[in-house]
């Protein structure tokens, strides 16, 4: 498995295709803005990872990249304070009256927002955030932009406008947001329509969500999505012209320091940090929520009879207690304590990205039997890192996995159990899937992703 990953990486490194470059109408380097709506500084989501990877793809297209945040600080603040507050947005007061005043302000505020550039001089030591920050040439802020626009859209169906004191060529919103920048093309990414297809698995207010995505589909200069499955949903459910929607898929950007970390160091990190045996545990990582199908995965694992531990890495989200109910059952807990189920289950709320990559590389296999995915980044990340994957035969996942993963019916715990046993017992199967996975992952390389984005942007800019 290790040799297969290294061989493909070496092949990629020795082939250097010509660089790609997006040109503005003026022929100059284009200034492209993306939103920072989902870009947390430490813990991230799949959508945050998408936005981060998009920022690096824009860099590779020779764009001048701006990232627009909605922090609670103003252009009138001292420049040094702006930089400090950008990296310390969690320190805002949570007192009831302060929250109430902010909510009132959002309702009454005008829908025209002026974004200002935040000076990032290096005064704040940002090294702890480097693996989670996007690529940027400039950071911008419009105070409370995303919360305010959400409130005003929900209450009054208003769309907020953003203005910049700088000429912009294109804005790419990485999520359906009730926002627009006048005078330039606005591209929106719709990752999936899970709130419409599986409404019982999300907390979205469905009426608001449907109204918002319909507005996006009417007003976007172009819509980007991340799989053919999602494109079909957008076209069929929302009646969008197929020519207005482009599937760019996604890519994974894993820092070379983590990607090429020596195996002996990976082994030490896995065994020393978590007390796990290298290549002798199953891994799930992602939010603990209904869509991820944790409950059926646990049922399948527990009934498989394997002794290999299962490690769960993920924050508990909506209905997580329901998904983890099997673990909480007294009888099962008793059996686990006595070892009657064979294996054991380790639950981790969070792992820093560097350690998460090592956990993926050190796993016997990754289990990801999600009910529905617009893309399924954990599948691609695991294949790229040379780890076998058990995943679902639904939604977009077969497009991503191809024949390089063990596909099962996610609604059938018995199928999950059989897949777990097969991966646990069959080393040849694991080696075959690992080798195929690394090759399959190359179809979603950063270069291929950048080429697909370039086609979208050139098409949109040519209409101006």
Foldseek 3Di string as FASTA:
>chain_A
DQVLLVVVVVVVVVDDDDQAAFAFPVRDAAEEEEECPQQDQFDGAPLLQQVQLVLVLSVSNRHQYEYEYAAADDPPDDLVVLQVCVNVRVPDDDDPVVVVVVLVCLQPPDLEWEKDWRDDDCPDPSVVRVQRDHDHNTYIYTHNNQVSQLSCCVPPVDAHEYDYPDDHAEYEYSDQGSYDYPPYAYEYEDAAPCCVVPVVFDPDPSVSVVVSVLVCLVPHLAYEYAFPLRLVCCCVVNVHDSVRYYHLHGAGDDDPCLLVPDPVVLQCLCCVVPVAHFLQAEEEEHEQTVQQLLQLLVLLLLVLLEQREYEYEAAYDPCSCVSCVCCVDPVVVVCQVVCVSNYYYHYHHHDGPSNVSSVLLRYLAYEGAGNEGSHDVVLLSSLSSLHEYEYEPDRRDCVQQVPLHNYFHSVDSNRSSVVVNCSNPPPVNGNSSSSVSNVSSVCNHSVSSSVSVSVVSVVSSVVD
